[in-house]
C-alpha atoms as a PDB file:
ATOM      1  CA  UNK A   1      -8.617  35.985-119.529  1.00  0.00           C
ATOM      2  CA  UNK A   2      -7.601  39.057-117.555  1.00  0.00           C
ATOM      3  CA  UNK A   3      -9.834  41.982-116.863  1.00  0.00           C
ATOM      4  CA  UNK A   4     -10.073  45.234-115.028  1.00  0.00           C
ATOM      5  CA  UNK A   5     -13.597  45.630-113.695  1.00  0.00           C
ATOM      6  CA  UNK A   6     -13.394  49.421-113.395  1.00  0.00           C
ATOM      7  CA  UNK A   7     -10.848  51.945-114.699  1.00  0.00           C
ATOM      8  CA  UNK A   8      -7.949  52.061-112.241  1.00  0.00           C
ATOM      9  CA  UNK A   9      -9.248  49.002-110.420  1.00  0.00           C
ATOM     10  CA  UNK A  10      -7.526  45.734-109.691  1.00  0.00           C
ATOM     11  CA  UNK A  11      -6.297  43.354-112.341  1.00  0.00           C
ATOM     12  CA  UNK A  12      -8.253  40.090-112.238  1.00  0.00           C
ATOM     13  CA  UNK A  13      -7.003  36.823-113.693  1.00  0.00           C
ATOM     14  CA  UNK A  14      -9.355  34.059-114.819  1.00  0.00           C
ATOM     15  CA  UNK A  15      -8.827  30.530-116.032  1.00  0.00           C
ATOM     16  CA  UNK A  16     -10.452  28.553-118.798  1.00  0.00           C
ATOM     17  CA  UNK A  17     -12.088  26.336-116.166  1.00  0.00           C
ATOM     18  CA  UNK A  18      -9.299  24.848-114.064  1.00  0.00           C
ATOM     19  CA  UNK A  19      -7.180  26.094-111.191  1.00  0.00           C
ATOM     20  CA  UNK A  20      -4.961  29.153-111.146  1.00  0.00           C
ATOM     21  CA  UNK A  21      -1.345  28.789-110.074  1.00  0.00           C
ATOM     22  CA  UNK A  22       1.236  31.205-108.637  1.00  0.00           C
ATOM     23  CA  UNK A  23       4.662  30.096-109.860  1.00  0.00           C
ATOM     24  CA  UNK A  24       7.897  31.767-108.737  1.00  0.00           C
ATOM     25  CA  UNK A  25       9.428  33.650-111.674  1.00  0.00           C
ATOM     26  CA  UNK A  26      12.707  31.779-111.209  1.00  0.00           C
ATOM     27  CA  UNK A  27      11.056  28.446-112.109  1.00  0.00           C
ATOM     28  CA  UNK A  28       8.451  29.532-114.689  1.00  0.00           C
ATOM     29  CA  UNK A  29      10.174  27.593-117.515  1.00  0.00           C
ATOM     30  CA  UNK A  30       9.750  24.360-115.536  1.00  0.00           C
ATOM     31  CA  UNK A  31       5.922  24.594-115.477  1.00  0.00           C
ATOM     32  CA  UNK A  32       4.608  22.756-118.560  1.00  0.00           C
ATOM     33  CA  UNK A  33       0.883  23.235-117.865  1.00  0.00           C
ATOM     34  CA  UNK A  34      -1.238  20.920-120.001  1.00  0.00           C
ATOM     35  CA  UNK A  35       1.458  20.851-122.710  1.00  0.00           C
ATOM     36  CA  UNK A  36       3.380  17.723-121.894  1.00  0.00           C
ATOM     37  CA  UNK A  37       4.146  14.370-123.395  1.00  0.00           C
ATOM     38  CA  UNK A  38       3.970  12.812-119.935  1.00  0.00           C
ATOM     39  CA  UNK A  39       0.926  10.746-118.993  1.00  0.00           C
ATOM     40  CA  UNK A  40       0.140  13.081-116.060  1.00  0.00           C
ATOM     41  CA  UNK A  41       0.753  16.739-116.916  1.00  0.00           C
ATOM     42  CA  UNK A  42       1.568  19.595-114.542  1.00  0.00           C
ATOM     43  CA  UNK A  43      -2.012  20.748-115.107  1.00  0.00           C
ATOM     44  CA  UNK A  44      -3.266  17.320-113.987  1.00  0.00           C
ATOM     45  CA  UNK A  45      -1.160  17.647-110.823  1.00  0.00           C
ATOM     46  CA  UNK A  46      -2.679  21.086-110.146  1.00  0.00           C
ATOM     47  CA  UNK A  47      -6.206  19.713-110.591  1.00  0.00           C
ATOM     48  CA  UNK A  48      -5.505  17.065-107.949  1.00  0.00           C
ATOM     49  CA  UNK A  49      -4.854  19.627-105.200  1.00  0.00           C
ATOM     50  CA  UNK A  50      -7.545  19.302-102.524  1.00  0.00           C
ATOM     51  CA  UNK A  51      -9.094  22.322-100.874  1.00  0.00           C
ATOM     52  CA  UNK A  52      -8.796  26.010-101.596  1.00  0.00           C
ATOM     53  CA  UNK A  53      -4.981  26.096-101.880  1.00  0.00           C
ATOM     54  CA  UNK A  54      -2.004  23.763-101.954  1.00  0.00           C
ATOM     55  CA  UNK A  55       1.645  23.562-102.938  1.00  0.00           C
ATOM     56  CA  UNK A  56       3.245  21.652-105.819  1.00  0.00           C
ATOM     57  CA  UNK A  57       6.951  21.191-106.513  1.00  0.00           C
ATOM     58  CA  UNK A  58       8.213  23.062-109.582  1.00  0.00           C
ATOM     59  CA  UNK A  59      11.919  22.930-110.376  1.00  0.00           C
ATOM     60  CA  UNK A  60      13.792  23.578-107.137  1.00  0.00           C
ATOM     61  CA  UNK A  61      10.894  25.545-105.670  1.00  0.00           C
ATOM     62  CA  UNK A  62       7.140  25.233-105.140  1.00  0.00           C
ATOM     63  CA  UNK A  63       4.090  26.817-106.733  1.00  0.00           C
ATOM     64  CA  UNK A  64       0.848  27.761-105.003  1.00  0.00           C
ATOM     65  CA  UNK A  65      -2.278  26.254-106.568  1.00  0.00           C
ATOM     66  CA  UNK A  66      -5.538  28.122-106.017  1.00  0.00           C
ATOM     67  CA  UNK A  67      -8.021  25.286-106.175  1.00  0.00           C
ATOM     68  CA  UNK A  68     -11.699  24.602-105.582  1.00  0.00           C
ATOM     69  CA  UNK A  69     -13.285  26.674-108.349  1.00  0.00           C
ATOM     70  CA  UNK A  70     -12.059  28.723-111.313  1.00  0.00           C
ATOM     71  CA  UNK A  71     -12.938  32.112-109.790  1.00  0.00           C
ATOM     72  CA  UNK A  72     -11.531  35.403-111.076  1.00  0.00           C
ATOM     73  CA  UNK A  73      -8.658  36.291-108.736  1.00  0.00           C
ATOM     74  CA  UNK A  74      -6.782  39.468-107.796  1.00  0.00           C
ATOM     75  CA  UNK A  75      -4.065  40.197-105.252  1.00  0.00           C
ATOM     76  CA  UNK A  76      -4.496  42.811-102.510  1.00  0.00           C
ATOM     77  CA  UNK A  77      -0.931  43.697-101.462  1.00  0.00           C
ATOM     78  CA  UNK A  78      -2.010  45.725 -98.411  1.00  0.00           C
ATOM     79  CA  UNK A  79      -3.762  42.684 -96.966  1.00  0.00           C
ATOM     80  CA  UNK A  80      -1.363  40.109 -98.405  1.00  0.00           C
ATOM     81  CA  UNK A  81      -4.272  38.142 -99.805  1.00  0.00           C
ATOM     82  CA  UNK A  82      -5.509  36.706-103.063  1.00  0.00           C
ATOM     83  CA  UNK A  83      -9.229  37.456-103.278  1.00  0.00           C
ATOM     84  CA  UNK A  84     -11.343  35.142-105.427  1.00  0.00           C
ATOM     85  CA  UNK A  85     -14.606  36.514-106.861  1.00  0.00           C
ATOM     86  CA  UNK A  86     -17.336  33.899-106.513  1.00  0.00           C
ATOM     87  CA  UNK A  87     -20.396  36.157-106.324  1.00  0.00           C
ATOM     88  CA  UNK A  88     -20.956  39.915-106.063  1.00  0.00           C
ATOM     89  CA  UNK A  89     -22.808  42.507-108.100  1.00  0.00           C
ATOM     90  CA  UNK A  90     -19.666  44.583-108.630  1.00  0.00           C
ATOM     91  CA  UNK A  91     -15.984  44.748-107.843  1.00  0.00           C
ATOM     92  CA  UNK A  92     -16.681  47.631-105.475  1.00  0.00           C
ATOM     93  CA  UNK A  93     -19.216  45.522-103.541  1.00  0.00           C
ATOM     94  CA  UNK A  94     -16.853  42.557-103.379  1.00  0.00           C
ATOM     95  CA  UNK A  95     -13.910  44.638-102.152  1.00  0.00           C
ATOM     96  CA  UNK A  96     -16.069  46.423 -99.580  1.00  0.00           C
ATOM     97  CA  UNK A  97     -16.754  43.032 -97.969  1.00  0.00           C
ATOM     98  CA  UNK A  98     -13.111  41.882 -97.834  1.00  0.00           C
ATOM     99  CA  UNK A  99     -12.344  43.353 -94.352  1.00  0.00           C
ATOM    100  CA  UNK A 100     -15.354  41.588 -92.813  1.00  0.00           C
ATOM    101  CA  UNK A 101     -14.487  38.368 -94.627  1.00  0.00           C
ATOM    102  CA  UNK A 102     -10.891  38.490 -93.353  1.00  0.00           C
ATOM    103  CA  UNK A 103     -12.165  38.948 -89.801  1.00  0.00           C
ATOM    104  CA  UNK A 104     -14.768  36.190 -89.825  1.00  0.00           C
ATOM    105  CA  UNK A 105     -13.308  33.580 -92.176  1.00  0.00           C
ATOM    106  CA  UNK A 106     -12.716  30.052 -90.923  1.00  0.00           C
ATOM    107  CA  UNK A 107      -9.213  29.384 -92.225  1.00  0.00           C
ATOM    108  CA  UNK A 108      -7.911  26.002 -93.356  1.00  0.00           C
ATOM    109  CA  UNK A 109      -4.658  24.906 -91.661  1.00  0.00           C
ATOM    110  CA  UNK A 110      -1.633  26.924 -92.742  1.00  0.00           C
ATOM    111  CA  UNK A 111       1.094  25.535 -94.957  1.00  0.00           C
ATOM    112  CA  UNK A 112       4.613  26.948 -95.205  1.00  0.00           C
ATOM    113  CA  UNK A 113       5.695  28.243 -98.620  1.00  0.00           C
ATOM    114  CA  UNK A 114       9.330  29.174 -99.247  1.00  0.00           C
ATOM    115  CA  UNK A 115       9.255  31.888-101.917  1.00  0.00           C
ATOM    116  CA  UNK A 116      12.440  32.843-103.824  1.00  0.00           C
ATOM    117  CA  UNK A 117      10.955  36.183-104.959  1.00  0.00           C
ATOM    118  CA  UNK A 118       8.146  37.447-107.209  1.00  0.00           C
ATOM    119  CA  UNK A 119       5.522  34.981-108.422  1.00  0.00           C
ATOM    120  CA  UNK A 120       3.267  34.965-111.486  1.00  0.00           C
ATOM    121  CA  UNK A 121      -0.416  34.011-111.206  1.00  0.00           C
ATOM    122  CA  UNK A 122      -1.963  32.436-114.309  1.00  0.00           C
ATOM    123  CA  UNK A 123      -4.146  29.603-115.625  1.00  0.00           C
ATOM    124  CA  UNK A 124      -2.479  26.324-114.595  1.00  0.00           C
ATOM    125  CA  UNK A 125      -3.189  24.867-118.061  1.00  0.00           C
ATOM    126  CA  UNK A 126      -0.700  27.311-119.624  1.00  0.00           C
ATOM    127  CA  UNK A 127       3.020  26.588-119.813  1.00  0.00           C
ATOM    128  CA  UNK A 128       5.087  28.925-117.657  1.00  0.00           C
ATOM    129  CA  UNK A 129       7.221  29.930-120.617  1.00  0.00           C
ATOM    130  CA  UNK A 130       4.147  31.322-122.394  1.00  0.00           C
ATOM    131  CA  UNK A 131       2.650  33.495-119.645  1.00  0.00           C
ATOM    132  CA  UNK A 132       3.722  36.690-121.406  1.00  0.00           C
ATOM    133  CA  UNK A 133       1.223  35.788-124.144  1.00  0.00           C
ATOM    134  CA  UNK A 134      -1.643  35.018-121.737  1.00  0.00           C
ATOM    135  CA  UNK A 135      -3.494  36.679-118.910  1.00  0.00           C
ATOM    136  CA  UNK A 136      -1.302  36.780-115.835  1.00  0.00           C
ATOM    137  CA  UNK A 137      -0.573  38.825-112.754  1.00  0.00           C
ATOM    138  CA  UNK A 138       2.917  39.408-111.354  1.00  0.00           C
ATOM    139  CA  UNK A 139       2.929  39.516-107.544  1.00  0.00           C
ATOM    140  CA  UNK A 140       6.127  41.107-106.179  1.00  0.00           C
ATOM    141  CA  UNK A 141       6.658  38.967-103.073  1.00  0.00           C
ATOM    142  CA  UNK A 142       9.837  39.400-101.050  1.00  0.00           C
ATOM    143  CA  UNK A 143      11.987  36.265-100.800  1.00  0.00           C
ATOM    144  CA  UNK A 144      11.431  34.203 -97.673  1.00  0.00           C
ATOM    145  CA  UNK A 145       9.008  31.896 -95.911  1.00  0.00           C
ATOM    146  CA  UNK A 146       5.253  32.542 -95.884  1.00  0.00           C
ATOM    147  CA  UNK A 147       2.391  30.955 -94.007  1.00  0.00           C
ATOM    148  CA  UNK A 148      -0.429  30.314 -96.487  1.00  0.00           C
ATOM    149  CA  UNK A 149      -4.001  29.880 -95.287  1.00  0.00           C
ATOM    150  CA  UNK A 150      -7.189  29.706 -97.328  1.00  0.00           C
ATOM    151  CA  UNK A 151     -10.849  30.248 -96.554  1.00  0.00           C
ATOM    152  CA  UNK A 152     -14.202  30.722 -98.229  1.00  0.00           C
ATOM    153  CA  UNK A 153     -16.498  33.420 -96.860  1.00  0.00           C
ATOM    154  CA  UNK A 154     -19.995  34.796 -97.362  1.00  0.00           C
ATOM    155  CA  UNK A 155     -19.726  38.278 -95.835  1.00  0.00           C
ATOM    156  CA  UNK A 156     -22.981  39.519 -97.397  1.00  0.00           C
ATOM    157  CA  UNK A 157     -26.263  37.960 -98.507  1.00  0.00           C
ATOM    158  CA  UNK A 158     -25.215  38.009-102.176  1.00  0.00           C
ATOM    159  CA  UNK A 159     -21.435  38.173-101.781  1.00  0.00           C
ATOM    160  CA  UNK A 160     -19.220  35.071-101.705  1.00  0.00           C
ATOM    161  CA  UNK A 161     -15.472  35.108-101.988  1.00  0.00           C
ATOM    162  CA  UNK A 162     -12.425  32.973-101.513  1.00  0.00           C
ATOM    163  CA  UNK A 163      -9.353  34.194 -99.659  1.00  0.00           C
ATOM    164  CA  UNK A 164      -5.774  32.936 -99.771  1.00  0.00           C
ATOM    165  CA  UNK A 165      -3.690  34.810 -97.200  1.00  0.00           C
ATOM    166  CA  UNK A 166       0.108  35.038 -97.443  1.00  0.00           C
ATOM    167  CA  UNK A 167       1.683  35.929 -94.090  1.00  0.00           C
ATOM    168  CA  UNK A 168       5.456  36.537 -94.076  1.00  0.00           C
ATOM    169  CA  UNK A 169       7.312  34.504 -91.451  1.00  0.00           C
ATOM    170  CA  UNK A 170      10.616  35.237 -89.768  1.00  0.00           C
ATOM    171  CA  UNK A 171      13.387  33.375 -91.622  1.00  0.00           C
END
């Protein structure tokens, strides 16, 4: 499911209960989701990712799995971060706490992600070839290497959020 919390606000993507995945557009057809005749599906592989974020091979590239919990997720291009809504009374409240969360978060170790261009964020259970018929978010990343780090923060007494930061690296 995809939603806009307020008119003109961010687009949020949700899953049916499993992880979200950001797959490069160039390899979307290679992501089978839960639709596979194999014993272990791509969705199963995504569910096995430990921590808040991890990489999985897809075609000749890699996809970024947003793990831990199935939180509604949006991308903040100015900060280069996926923000994951765990608890907040409103989108406005959640977004107001992002700067503090970015400054105080305890980040997991970075991983290097080579991105061939734009990626599409969607429910990992969906096949990549069907994302146009499901809730998704296109993130226009420039091709190149990125350092990916994830954290979980509680910047306010009733505000919890996950962060997955994408930091461009020199090629």
